[in-house]
C-alpha atoms as a PDB file:
ATOM      1  CA  MET A   1     -43.708 -39.937-125.293  1.00  0.00           C
ATOM      2  CA  THR A   2     -41.365 -39.015-122.436  1.00  0.00           C
ATOM      3  CA  ASP A   3     -38.043 -38.934-124.334  1.00  0.00           C
ATOM      4  CA  LEU A   4     -37.825 -35.345-125.562  1.00  0.00           C
ATOM      5  CA  THR A   5     -34.415 -35.864-127.218  1.00  0.00           C
ATOM      6  CA  CYS A   6     -35.708 -37.958-130.113  1.00  0.00           C
ATOM      7  CA  LEU A   7     -34.573 -36.749-133.512  1.00  0.00           C
ATOM      8  CA  PRO A   8     -37.153 -35.796-136.141  1.00  0.00           C
ATOM      9  CA  PHE A   9     -38.135 -38.460-138.617  1.00  0.00           C
ATOM     10  CA  ALA A  10     -40.081 -38.386-141.854  1.00  0.00           C
ATOM     11  CA  PHE A  11     -43.284 -40.096-142.958  1.00  0.00           C
ATOM     12  CA  PRO A  12     -44.105 -40.866-146.586  1.00  0.00           C
ATOM     13  CA  SER A  13     -44.946 -37.681-148.457  1.00  0.00           C
ATOM     14  CA  VAL A  14     -48.572 -36.769-149.110  1.00  0.00           C
ATOM     15  CA  ARG A  15     -49.335 -35.315-152.570  1.00  0.00           C
ATOM     16  CA  GLY A  16     -45.771 -34.182-152.933  1.00  0.00           C
ATOM     17  CA  LYS A  17     -45.606 -32.563-149.483  1.00  0.00           C
ATOM     18  CA  LYS A  18     -43.103 -33.647-146.844  1.00  0.00           C
ATOM     19  CA  LEU A  19     -44.469 -34.946-143.566  1.00  0.00           C
ATOM     20  CA  ILE A  20     -42.026 -34.804-140.646  1.00  0.00           C
ATOM     21  CA  ALA A  21     -42.536 -35.643-136.968  1.00  0.00           C
ATOM     22  CA  ALA A  22     -40.508 -33.489-134.561  1.00  0.00           C
ATOM     23  CA  PHE A  23     -40.289 -33.349-130.775  1.00  0.00           C
ATOM     24  CA  ASP A  24     -38.843 -29.905-130.181  1.00  0.00           C
ATOM     25  CA  GLY A  25     -42.103 -28.064-129.590  1.00  0.00           C
ATOM     26  CA  GLY A  26     -41.432 -27.511-125.893  1.00  0.00           C
ATOM     27  CA  ARG A  27     -44.196 -27.695-123.270  1.00  0.00           C
ATOM     28  CA  LEU A  28     -47.536 -27.889-125.032  1.00  0.00           C
ATOM     29  CA  THR A  29     -51.139 -27.868-123.862  1.00  0.00           C
ATOM     30  CA  SER A  30     -54.506 -28.636-125.375  1.00  0.00           C
ATOM     31  CA  ASP A  31     -56.438 -26.514-122.854  1.00  0.00           C
ATOM     32  CA  GLY A  32     -55.708 -22.976-123.998  1.00  0.00           C
ATOM     33  CA  GLY A  33     -59.325 -21.966-123.356  1.00  0.00           C
ATOM     34  CA  VAL A  34     -58.779 -22.329-119.619  1.00  0.00           C
ATOM     35  CA  LEU A  35     -57.097 -18.911-119.654  1.00  0.00           C
ATOM     36  CA  LEU A  36     -60.376 -17.287-120.749  1.00  0.00           C
ATOM     37  CA  LEU A  37     -62.247 -19.164-118.039  1.00  0.00           C
ATOM     38  CA  ALA A  38     -59.699 -17.964-115.484  1.00  0.00           C
ATOM     39  CA  GLN A  39     -60.299 -14.363-116.537  1.00  0.00           C
ATOM     40  CA  ALA A  40     -64.032 -14.791-116.033  1.00  0.00           C
ATOM     41  CA  ALA A  41     -63.481 -16.417-112.633  1.00  0.00           C
ATOM     42  CA  ARG A  42     -61.206 -13.577-111.510  1.00  0.00           C
ATOM     43  CA  ARG A  43     -63.693 -10.978-112.697  1.00  0.00           C
ATOM     44  CA  LEU A  44     -66.389 -12.581-110.555  1.00  0.00           C
ATOM     45  CA  GLY A  45     -63.998 -13.303-107.694  1.00  0.00           C
ATOM     46  CA  ILE A  46     -65.760 -16.625-107.297  1.00  0.00           C
ATOM     47  CA  ALA A  47     -62.829 -18.604-105.847  1.00  0.00           C
ATOM     48  CA  GLU A  48     -62.025 -15.961-103.245  1.00  0.00           C
ATOM     49  CA  LYS A  49     -65.678 -15.566-102.211  1.00  0.00           C
ATOM     50  CA  LEU A  50     -66.165 -19.309-101.845  1.00  0.00           C
ATOM     51  CA  ALA A  51     -62.917 -19.694 -99.939  1.00  0.00           C
ATOM     52  CA  ALA A  52     -63.969 -16.970 -97.500  1.00  0.00           C
ATOM     53  CA  VAL A  53     -66.771 -19.157 -96.087  1.00  0.00           C
ATOM     54  CA  ILE A  54     -64.774 -22.405 -95.862  1.00  0.00           C
ATOM     55  CA  PRO A  55     -62.772 -22.792 -92.643  1.00  0.00           C
ATOM     56  CA  ASP A  56     -59.110 -23.500 -93.346  1.00  0.00           C
ATOM     57  CA  ARG A  57     -57.797 -25.464 -90.390  1.00  0.00           C
ATOM     58  CA  ARG A  58     -54.308 -25.995 -91.810  1.00  0.00           C
ATOM     59  CA  ASP A  59     -51.136 -24.687 -90.177  1.00  0.00           C
ATOM     60  CA  PRO A  60     -50.516 -21.328 -91.931  1.00  0.00           C
ATOM     61  CA  SER A  61     -46.736 -21.828 -91.788  1.00  0.00           C
ATOM     62  CA  ARG A  62     -47.014 -25.020 -93.856  1.00  0.00           C
ATOM     63  CA  ILE A  63     -49.507 -23.970 -96.514  1.00  0.00           C
ATOM     64  CA  ALA A  64     -48.115 -24.361-100.026  1.00  0.00           C
ATOM     65  CA  HIS A  65     -51.441 -24.041-101.874  1.00  0.00           C
ATOM     66  CA  PRO A  66     -53.847 -21.337-100.643  1.00  0.00           C
ATOM     67  CA  LEU A  67     -57.500 -22.311-100.481  1.00  0.00           C
ATOM     68  CA  PRO A  68     -58.622 -19.870-103.248  1.00  0.00           C
ATOM     69  CA  GLU A  69     -56.019 -21.391-105.567  1.00  0.00           C
ATOM     70  CA  ILE A  70     -57.216 -24.939-104.838  1.00  0.00           C
ATOM     71  CA  LEU A  71     -60.806 -23.921-105.530  1.00  0.00           C
ATOM     72  CA  LEU A  72     -59.855 -22.088-108.718  1.00  0.00           C
ATOM     73  CA  ALA A  73     -57.894 -25.054-110.063  1.00  0.00           C
ATOM     74  CA  ARG A  74     -60.742 -27.427-109.229  1.00  0.00           C
ATOM     75  CA  ILE A  75     -63.358 -25.158-110.831  1.00  0.00           C
ATOM     76  CA  LEU A  76     -61.308 -24.713-113.996  1.00  0.00           C
ATOM     77  CA  ALA A  77     -60.581 -28.430-114.266  1.00  0.00           C
ATOM     78  CA  ILE A  78     -64.286 -29.294-114.017  1.00  0.00           C
ATOM     79  CA  ALA A  79     -65.151 -26.608-116.573  1.00  0.00           C
ATOM     80  CA  CYS A  80     -62.630 -28.167-118.983  1.00  0.00           C
ATOM     81  CA  GLY A  81     -64.123 -31.631-118.570  1.00  0.00           C
ATOM     82  CA  TYR A  82     -61.754 -33.006-115.929  1.00  0.00           C
ATOM     83  CA  GLU A  83     -64.354 -33.864-113.284  1.00  0.00           C
ATOM     84  CA  ASP A  84     -62.215 -36.239-111.192  1.00  0.00           C
ATOM     85  CA  ALA A  85     -59.907 -34.850-108.536  1.00  0.00           C
ATOM     86  CA  ASP A  86     -57.105 -37.214-109.567  1.00  0.00           C
ATOM     87  CA  ASP A  87     -57.008 -35.508-112.983  1.00  0.00           C
ATOM     88  CA  LEU A  88     -55.035 -32.764-111.258  1.00  0.00           C
ATOM     89  CA  ASP A  89     -52.169 -35.222-110.765  1.00  0.00           C
ATOM     90  CA  HIS A  90     -51.547 -34.698-114.494  1.00  0.00           C
ATOM     91  CA  LEU A  91     -52.857 -31.150-114.871  1.00  0.00           C
ATOM     92  CA  ARG A  92     -50.756 -29.730-112.046  1.00  0.00           C
ATOM     93  CA  ALA A  93     -47.826 -29.293-114.451  1.00  0.00           C
ATOM     94  CA  ASP A  94     -49.925 -28.275-117.473  1.00  0.00           C
ATOM     95  CA  PRO A  95     -48.675 -24.911-118.815  1.00  0.00           C
ATOM     96  CA  ALA A  96     -52.165 -23.455-119.373  1.00  0.00           C
ATOM     97  CA  PHE A  97     -53.461 -24.458-115.951  1.00  0.00           C
ATOM     98  CA  LYS A  98     -50.377 -23.083-114.221  1.00  0.00           C
ATOM     99  CA  LEU A  99     -50.776 -19.746-115.994  1.00  0.00           C
ATOM    100  CA  ALA A 100     -54.519 -19.708-115.248  1.00  0.00           C
ATOM    101  CA  CYS A 101     -53.752 -20.104-111.543  1.00  0.00           C
ATOM    102  CA  GLY A 102     -51.095 -17.383-111.583  1.00  0.00           C
ATOM    103  CA  ARG A 103     -47.947 -19.541-111.694  1.00  0.00           C
ATOM    104  CA  LEU A 104     -45.086 -19.281-114.178  1.00  0.00           C
ATOM    105  CA  LEU A 105     -44.432 -22.114-116.606  1.00  0.00           C
ATOM    106  CA  GLU A 106     -40.831 -23.007-115.826  1.00  0.00           C
ATOM    107  CA  THR A 107     -40.026 -21.411-112.480  1.00  0.00           C
ATOM    108  CA  GLY A 108     -43.465 -21.643-110.870  1.00  0.00           C
ATOM    109  CA  VAL A 109     -44.228 -24.469-108.458  1.00  0.00           C
ATOM    110  CA  ASP A 110     -46.621 -27.091-109.810  1.00  0.00           C
ATOM    111  CA  LEU A 111     -50.245 -26.960-108.724  1.00  0.00           C
ATOM    112  CA  MET A 112     -51.759 -29.113-105.999  1.00  0.00           C
ATOM    113  CA  SER A 113     -52.253 -32.869-106.365  1.00  0.00           C
ATOM    114  CA  GLN A 114     -55.342 -35.003-105.816  1.00  0.00           C
ATOM    115  CA  PRO A 115     -54.890 -35.619-102.039  1.00  0.00           C
ATOM    116  CA  THR A 116     -54.808 -31.874-101.375  1.00  0.00           C
ATOM    117  CA  VAL A 117     -57.959 -31.370-103.420  1.00  0.00           C
ATOM    118  CA  SER A 118     -59.741 -34.265-101.694  1.00  0.00           C
ATOM    119  CA  ARG A 119     -58.914 -32.905 -98.241  1.00  0.00           C
ATOM    120  CA  MET A 120     -60.312 -29.532 -99.266  1.00  0.00           C
ATOM    121  CA  GLU A 121     -63.520 -31.086-100.591  1.00  0.00           C
ATOM    122  CA  ASN A 122     -64.081 -32.964 -97.336  1.00  0.00           C
ATOM    123  CA  THR A 123     -63.486 -29.885 -95.159  1.00  0.00           C
ATOM    124  CA  PRO A 124     -66.879 -28.105 -95.430  1.00  0.00           C
ATOM    125  CA  ARG A 125     -69.617 -29.161 -93.033  1.00  0.00           C
ATOM    126  CA  LEU A 126     -73.356 -28.701 -93.397  1.00  0.00           C
ATOM    127  CA  ARG A 127     -73.408 -25.071 -92.276  1.00  0.00           C
ATOM    128  CA  ASP A 128     -70.427 -24.327 -94.520  1.00  0.00           C
ATOM    129  CA  LEU A 129     -72.296 -25.825 -97.482  1.00  0.00           C
ATOM    130  CA  ILE A 130     -75.286 -23.593 -96.765  1.00  0.00           C
ATOM    131  CA  ARG A 131     -72.980 -20.574 -96.733  1.00  0.00           C
ATOM    132  CA  LEU A 132     -71.450 -21.708-100.036  1.00  0.00           C
ATOM    133  CA  GLY A 133     -74.949 -21.775-101.504  1.00  0.00           C
ATOM    134  CA  ARG A 134     -75.550 -18.226-100.327  1.00  0.00           C
ATOM    135  CA  VAL A 135     -72.379 -17.104-102.101  1.00  0.00           C
ATOM    136  CA  MET A 136     -73.776 -18.459-105.367  1.00  0.00           C
ATOM    137  CA  VAL A 137     -77.050 -16.593-104.792  1.00  0.00           C
ATOM    138  CA  ASP A 138     -75.080 -13.425-103.992  1.00  0.00           C
ATOM    139  CA  LEU A 139     -73.202 -13.772-107.301  1.00  0.00           C
ATOM    140  CA  TYR A 140     -76.482 -14.238-109.145  1.00  0.00           C
ATOM    141  CA  CYS A 141     -78.067 -11.158-107.577  1.00  0.00           C
ATOM    142  CA  ALA A 142     -74.917  -9.110-108.243  1.00  0.00           C
ATOM    143  CA  SER A 143     -75.213  -9.940-111.955  1.00  0.00           C
ATOM    144  CA  TYR A 144     -78.132  -7.490-112.154  1.00  0.00           C
ATOM    145  CA  ALA A 145     -77.294  -3.796-112.269  1.00  0.00           C
ATOM    146  CA  ALA A 146     -80.501  -3.016-110.383  1.00  0.00           C
ATOM    147  CA  PRO A 147     -83.100  -5.186-108.625  1.00  0.00           C
ATOM    148  CA  PRO A 148     -85.599  -6.463-111.225  1.00  0.00           C
ATOM    149  CA  ALA A 149     -89.300  -5.948-110.776  1.00  0.00           C
ATOM    150  CA  ALA A 150     -89.896  -9.695-111.143  1.00  0.00           C
ATOM    151  CA  VAL A 151     -87.966 -12.882-111.796  1.00  0.00           C
ATOM    152  CA  THR A 152     -89.047 -16.400-112.683  1.00  0.00           C
ATOM    153  CA  LEU A 153     -86.914 -19.248-111.358  1.00  0.00           C
ATOM    154  CA  ASP A 154     -87.081 -22.773-112.716  1.00  0.00           C
ATOM    155  CA  ILE A 155     -86.315 -25.514-110.187  1.00  0.00           C
ATOM    156  CA  ASP A 156     -85.713 -29.076-111.327  1.00  0.00           C
ATOM    157  CA  ASP A 157     -83.585 -32.101-110.569  1.00  0.00           C
ATOM    158  CA  THR A 158     -81.366 -33.832-113.112  1.00  0.00           C
ATOM    159  CA  CYS A 159     -79.939 -37.340-113.328  1.00  0.00           C
ATOM    160  CA  ASP A 160     -76.188 -37.405-112.723  1.00  0.00           C
ATOM    161  CA  VAL A 161     -75.140 -40.991-113.473  1.00  0.00           C
ATOM    162  CA  VAL A 162     -72.342 -42.433-111.331  1.00  0.00           C
ATOM    163  CA  HIS A 163     -70.050 -45.324-112.124  1.00  0.00           C
ATOM    164  CA  GLY A 164     -69.523 -46.949-108.771  1.00  0.00           C
ATOM    165  CA  HIS A 165     -70.890 -46.746-105.257  1.00  0.00           C
ATOM    166  CA  GLN A 166     -70.128 -43.141-104.366  1.00  0.00           C
ATOM    167  CA  GLN A 167     -71.597 -41.676-101.231  1.00  0.00           C
ATOM    168  CA  LEU A 168     -75.185 -40.399-101.770  1.00  0.00           C
ATOM    169  CA  SER A 169     -75.579 -42.362-105.021  1.00  0.00           C
ATOM    170  CA  LEU A 170     -78.772 -44.444-105.197  1.00  0.00           C
ATOM    171  CA  PHE A 171     -80.570 -46.483-107.832  1.00  0.00           C
ATOM    172  CA  ASN A 172     -83.381 -44.411-109.346  1.00  0.00           C
ATOM    173  CA  ALA A 173     -86.102 -46.523-110.939  1.00  0.00           C
ATOM    174  CA  HIS A 174     -87.427 -43.642-113.065  1.00  0.00           C
ATOM    175  CA  HIS A 175     -84.055 -43.018-114.708  1.00  0.00           C
ATOM    176  CA  ASP A 176     -83.058 -46.705-114.465  1.00  0.00           C
ATOM    177  CA  GLU A 177     -79.594 -45.638-113.319  1.00  0.00           C
ATOM    178  CA  ARG A 178     -77.516 -45.427-110.194  1.00  0.00           C
ATOM    179  CA  CYS A 179     -77.119 -41.701-109.828  1.00  0.00           C
ATOM    180  CA  PHE A 180     -77.147 -38.478-107.900  1.00  0.00           C
ATOM    181  CA  LEU A 181     -80.220 -36.282-108.372  1.00  0.00           C
ATOM    182  CA  PRO A 182     -78.953 -32.721-107.854  1.00  0.00           C
ATOM    183  CA  ILE A 183     -81.382 -29.810-107.829  1.00  0.00           C
ATOM    184  CA  HIS A 184     -80.712 -26.917-110.200  1.00  0.00           C
ATOM    185  CA  VAL A 185     -82.322 -23.491-110.123  1.00  0.00           C
ATOM    186  CA  TYR A 186     -82.018 -21.138-113.115  1.00  0.00           C
ATOM    187  CA  ASP A 187     -83.304 -17.700-114.022  1.00  0.00           C
ATOM    188  CA  THR A 188     -85.612 -18.273-116.988  1.00  0.00           C
ATOM    189  CA  ALA A 189     -85.075 -14.805-118.482  1.00  0.00           C
ATOM    190  CA  THR A 190     -81.272 -14.881-118.537  1.00  0.00           C
ATOM    191  CA  SER A 191     -80.462 -18.618-118.140  1.00  0.00           C
ATOM    192  CA  ARG A 192     -78.156 -17.679-115.276  1.00  0.00           C
ATOM    193  CA  PRO A 193     -77.566 -20.315-112.604  1.00  0.00           C
ATOM    194  CA  VAL A 194     -78.968 -19.419-109.199  1.00  0.00           C
ATOM    195  CA  ALA A 195     -78.373 -22.492-107.041  1.00  0.00           C
ATOM    196  CA  MET A 196     -77.111 -26.071-107.366  1.00  0.00           C
ATOM    197  CA  ILE A 197     -77.597 -28.673-104.639  1.00  0.00           C
ATOM    198  CA  LEU A 198     -75.889 -32.065-104.760  1.00  0.00           C
ATOM    199  CA  ARG A 199     -78.192 -34.650-103.227  1.00  0.00           C
ATOM    200  CA  PRO A 200     -78.999 -38.390-103.230  1.00  0.00           C
ATOM    201  CA  GLY A 201     -80.464 -40.057-106.293  1.00  0.00           C
ATOM    202  CA  LYS A 202     -84.080 -40.025-105.105  1.00  0.00           C
ATOM    203  CA  THR A 203     -87.049 -37.733-105.609  1.00  0.00           C
ATOM    204  CA  PRO A 204     -86.999 -34.875-103.065  1.00  0.00           C
ATOM    205  CA  SER A 205     -89.672 -34.934-100.382  1.00  0.00           C
ATOM    206  CA  GLY A 206     -91.966 -32.008 -99.732  1.00  0.00           C
ATOM    207  CA  ARG A 207     -90.112 -31.148 -96.553  1.00  0.00           C
ATOM    208  CA  GLU A 208     -86.790 -31.079 -98.402  1.00  0.00           C
ATOM    209  CA  VAL A 209     -88.175 -28.912-101.205  1.00  0.00           C
ATOM    210  CA  ARG A 210     -89.641 -26.490 -98.650  1.00  0.00           C
ATOM    211  CA  GLY A 211     -86.276 -26.178 -96.890  1.00  0.00           C
ATOM    212  CA  HIS A 212     -84.396 -25.476-100.113  1.00  0.00           C
ATOM    213  CA  LEU A 213     -86.951 -22.919-101.288  1.00  0.00           C
ATOM    214  CA  ARG A 214     -87.020 -21.178 -97.913  1.00  0.00           C
ATOM    215  CA  ARG A 215     -83.244 -20.735 -97.858  1.00  0.00           C
ATOM    216  CA  LEU A 216     -83.178 -19.665-101.501  1.00  0.00           C
ATOM    217  CA  VAL A 217     -85.905 -17.033-101.193  1.00  0.00           C
ATOM    218  CA  ARG A 218     -84.461 -15.647 -97.949  1.00  0.00           C
ATOM    219  CA  ALA A 219     -81.055 -15.266 -99.602  1.00  0.00           C
ATOM    220  CA  ILE A 220     -82.582 -13.448-102.569  1.00  0.00           C
ATOM    221  CA  ARG A 221     -84.686 -11.228-100.307  1.00  0.00           C
ATOM    222  CA  ARG A 222     -81.533  -9.885 -98.661  1.00  0.00           C
ATOM    223  CA  HIS A 223     -80.724  -8.233-102.002  1.00  0.00           C
ATOM    224  CA  TRP A 224     -84.163  -7.770-103.558  1.00  0.00           C
ATOM    225  CA  PRO A 225     -86.773  -7.184-100.828  1.00  0.00           C
ATOM    226  CA  THR A 226     -89.528  -6.072-103.231  1.00  0.00           C
ATOM    227  CA  THR A 227     -88.917  -8.266-106.283  1.00  0.00           C
ATOM    228  CA  ALA A 228     -91.810 -10.566-107.203  1.00  0.00           C
ATOM    229  CA  ILE A 229     -90.502 -14.134-107.408  1.00  0.00           C
ATOM    230  CA  THR A 230     -92.211 -16.875-109.388  1.00  0.00           C
ATOM    231  CA  ILE A 231     -90.937 -20.395-108.789  1.00  0.00           C
ATOM    232  CA  ARG A 232     -91.771 -22.994-111.431  1.00  0.00           C
ATOM    233  CA  GLY A 233     -91.263 -26.695-110.981  1.00  0.00           C
ATOM    234  CA  ASP A 234     -92.410 -30.115-112.089  1.00  0.00           C
ATOM    235  CA  GLY A 235     -95.358 -31.849-110.477  1.00  0.00           C
ATOM    236  CA  HIS A 236     -93.396 -33.531-107.713  1.00  0.00           C
ATOM    237  CA  TYR A 237     -92.382 -30.091-106.407  1.00  0.00           C
ATOM    238  CA  GLY A 238     -96.035 -29.218-105.835  1.00  0.00           C
ATOM    239  CA  ARG A 239     -96.277 -31.073-102.526  1.00  0.00           C
ATOM    240  CA  PRO A 240     -98.282 -29.786 -99.535  1.00  0.00           C
ATOM    241  CA  GLU A 241     -95.222 -28.590 -97.563  1.00  0.00           C
ATOM    242  CA  PRO A 242     -93.903 -26.093-100.159  1.00  0.00           C
ATOM    243  CA  MET A 243     -97.480 -25.106-101.026  1.00  0.00           C
ATOM    244  CA  ASP A 244     -98.259 -24.255 -97.417  1.00  0.00           C
ATOM    245  CA  TRP A 245     -94.985 -22.394 -97.118  1.00  0.00           C
ATOM    246  CA  CYS A 246     -95.847 -20.273-100.169  1.00  0.00           C
ATOM    247  CA  GLY A 247     -99.178 -19.405 -98.614  1.00  0.00           C
ATOM    248  CA  GLY A 248     -97.814 -18.815 -95.127  1.00  0.00           C
ATOM    249  CA  GLU A 249     -94.380 -17.335 -94.602  1.00  0.00           C
ATOM    250  CA  CYS A 250     -94.296 -15.734 -98.067  1.00  0.00           C
ATOM    251  CA  SER A 251     -97.832 -14.426 -98.070  1.00  0.00           C
ATOM    252  CA  GLY A 252     -96.689 -10.811 -97.894  1.00  0.00           C
ATOM    253  CA  GLN A 253     -93.848 -11.139-100.364  1.00  0.00           C
ATOM    254  CA  GLN A 254     -95.715 -11.966-103.604  1.00  0.00           C
ATOM    255  CA  VAL A 255     -93.938 -15.280-104.032  1.00  0.00           C
ATOM    256  CA  LEU A 256     -95.758 -17.589-106.435  1.00  0.00           C
ATOM    257  CA  TYR A 257     -95.369 -21.290-107.079  1.00  0.00           C
ATOM    258  CA  ARG A 258     -96.460 -22.868-110.340  1.00  0.00           C
ATOM    259  CA  PRO A 259     -96.649 -26.660-110.436  1.00  0.00           C
ATOM    260  CA  GLY A 260     -96.751 -28.637-113.639  1.00  0.00           C
ATOM    261  CA  PRO A 261    -100.034 -29.363-115.438  1.00  0.00           C
ATOM    262  CA  CYS A 262    -100.085 -32.922-114.091  1.00  0.00           C
ATOM    263  CA  VAL A 263    -100.808 -31.692-110.549  1.00  0.00           C
ATOM    264  CA  HIS A 264    -104.511 -31.817-109.690  1.00  0.00           C
ATOM    265  CA  LEU A 265    -105.826 -29.144-107.352  1.00  0.00           C
ATOM    266  CA  PRO A 266    -109.287 -29.426-105.814  1.00  0.00           C
ATOM    267  CA  SER A 267    -111.660 -26.913-107.385  1.00  0.00           C
ATOM    268  CA  HIS A 268    -112.724 -25.501-104.024  1.00  0.00           C
ATOM    269  CA  ARG A 269    -109.138 -24.369-103.414  1.00  0.00           C
ATOM    270  CA  TRP A 270    -108.855 -22.192-106.471  1.00  0.00           C
ATOM    271  CA  ARG A 271    -110.297 -19.001-105.073  1.00  0.00           C
ATOM    272  CA  TYR A 272    -108.592 -18.865-101.726  1.00  0.00           C
ATOM    273  CA  GLY A 273    -110.888 -21.319 -99.983  1.00  0.00           C
ATOM    274  CA  THR A 274    -114.179 -20.400-101.676  1.00  0.00           C
ATOM    275  CA  GLY A 275    -116.274 -22.837-103.659  1.00  0.00           C
ATOM    276  CA  GLU A 276    -115.768 -21.255-107.077  1.00  0.00           C
ATOM    277  CA  SER A 277    -114.362 -23.381-109.851  1.00  0.00           C
ATOM    278  CA  PRO A 278    -111.484 -22.197-112.085  1.00  0.00           C
ATOM    279  CA  ARG A 279    -114.003 -21.303-114.829  1.00  0.00           C
ATOM    280  CA  ALA A 280    -116.153 -19.258-112.426  1.00  0.00           C
ATOM    281  CA  GLN A 281    -113.074 -17.577-111.010  1.00  0.00           C
ATOM    282  CA  SER A 282    -111.896 -16.636-114.498  1.00  0.00           C
ATOM    283  CA  ALA A 283    -115.267 -15.048-115.191  1.00  0.00           C
ATOM    284  CA  SER A 284    -115.365 -13.010-111.992  1.00  0.00           C
ATOM    285  CA  PHE A 285    -111.651 -12.118-112.056  1.00  0.00           C
ATOM    286  CA  PRO A 286    -110.619 -11.795-115.731  1.00  0.00           C
ATOM    287  CA  GLU A 287    -107.211 -10.420-114.832  1.00  0.00           C
ATOM    288  CA  LYS A 288    -106.481 -13.643-112.945  1.00  0.00           C
ATOM    289  CA  SER A 289    -107.756 -16.037-115.603  1.00  0.00           C
ATOM    290  CA  ASN A 290    -104.278 -16.980-116.799  1.00  0.00           C
ATOM    291  CA  ARG A 291    -103.239 -17.612-113.247  1.00  0.00           C
ATOM    292  CA  ALA A 292    -106.141 -19.922-112.619  1.00  0.00           C
ATOM    293  CA  GLU A 293    -105.792 -21.881-115.853  1.00  0.00           C
ATOM    294  CA  GLY A 294    -102.027 -22.155-115.405  1.00  0.00           C
ATOM    295  CA  GLY A 295    -102.345 -23.560-111.927  1.00  0.00           C
ATOM    296  CA  ILE A 296    -100.438 -20.833-110.107  1.00  0.00           C
ATOM    297  CA  MET A 297    -100.382 -20.955-106.336  1.00  0.00           C
ATOM    298  CA  VAL A 298    -100.963 -17.411-105.131  1.00  0.00           C
ATOM    299  CA  ASP A 299     -99.414 -16.122-101.939  1.00  0.00           C
ATOM    300  CA  HIS A 300    -102.757 -15.162-100.363  1.00  0.00           C
ATOM    301  CA  ALA A 301    -103.850 -18.785-100.053  1.00  0.00           C
ATOM    302  CA  ARG A 302    -103.814 -20.202 -96.555  1.00  0.00           C
ATOM    303  CA  SER A 303    -103.318 -23.877 -97.283  1.00  0.00           C
ATOM    304  CA  PHE A 304    -103.117 -26.236-100.215  1.00  0.00           C
ATOM    305  CA  ARG A 305    -103.466 -29.479 -98.327  1.00  0.00           C
ATOM    306  CA  PRO A 306    -106.260 -31.716 -99.618  1.00  0.00           C
ATOM    307  CA  PRO A 307    -109.355 -31.808 -97.418  1.00  0.00           C
ATOM    308  CA  SER A 308    -109.518 -34.593 -94.887  1.00  0.00           C
END
């Protein structure tokens, strides 16, 4: 209702209690929790750190909405369930969102509208997106007080159903949906997010998986040069390209890759190119029996490509 001058009126009483509708409550909001989210975002400095790697090509004399503020508003809106940029056309005057972004209720200028947000989202280029991913890895590493001795990272893709023909959306026969298929990486011990990659709705190729893992591990190594990293993924992540990468570039860094149980590995590959089977290897190397039975790719291996 837009007419705020309506007089109160009464409904029929309920069990002897009066029921009155009034319209003098002032500016109300149903998103009070956004203030807590804003406190967490400020503590991490996530909007400022992301904005620092996005080039702002606007005329500084005409900027009404700084880039960190646009990012903060967009992040908070998504966290509250408003995933579309045009939702900010209504949220820009919301009291809770204005306070969360550091603007006063009555005298503060309203937040940015959808066109401003859309221009910001189309500003980053490929190299900028890679830098944004590094910021997320930096935040993850900074969440530890000291470098851990070892971490296990789960990598998987998830079906993000779309309702239209958005760019990058494809029909995925496995999920029977038109979707994106973003890749998520999480720390298994703490459930903390490490990396998120928006990508087309198709299964990633081995070359793509290798590229993502290479960038991820290099970013982590800048903070934790000696931490042992185990990367776990479903069977379609156990392709020759990431396997070879684990046994090549990362051979001196104790990086492991564990495919799912559905991946078949030739028996002659189990003991670094020798002819021993997993059972024989377990007998001769008891301390590595769990590794062999679990199908872990160890960094000393030279290649995991099937024999020609």
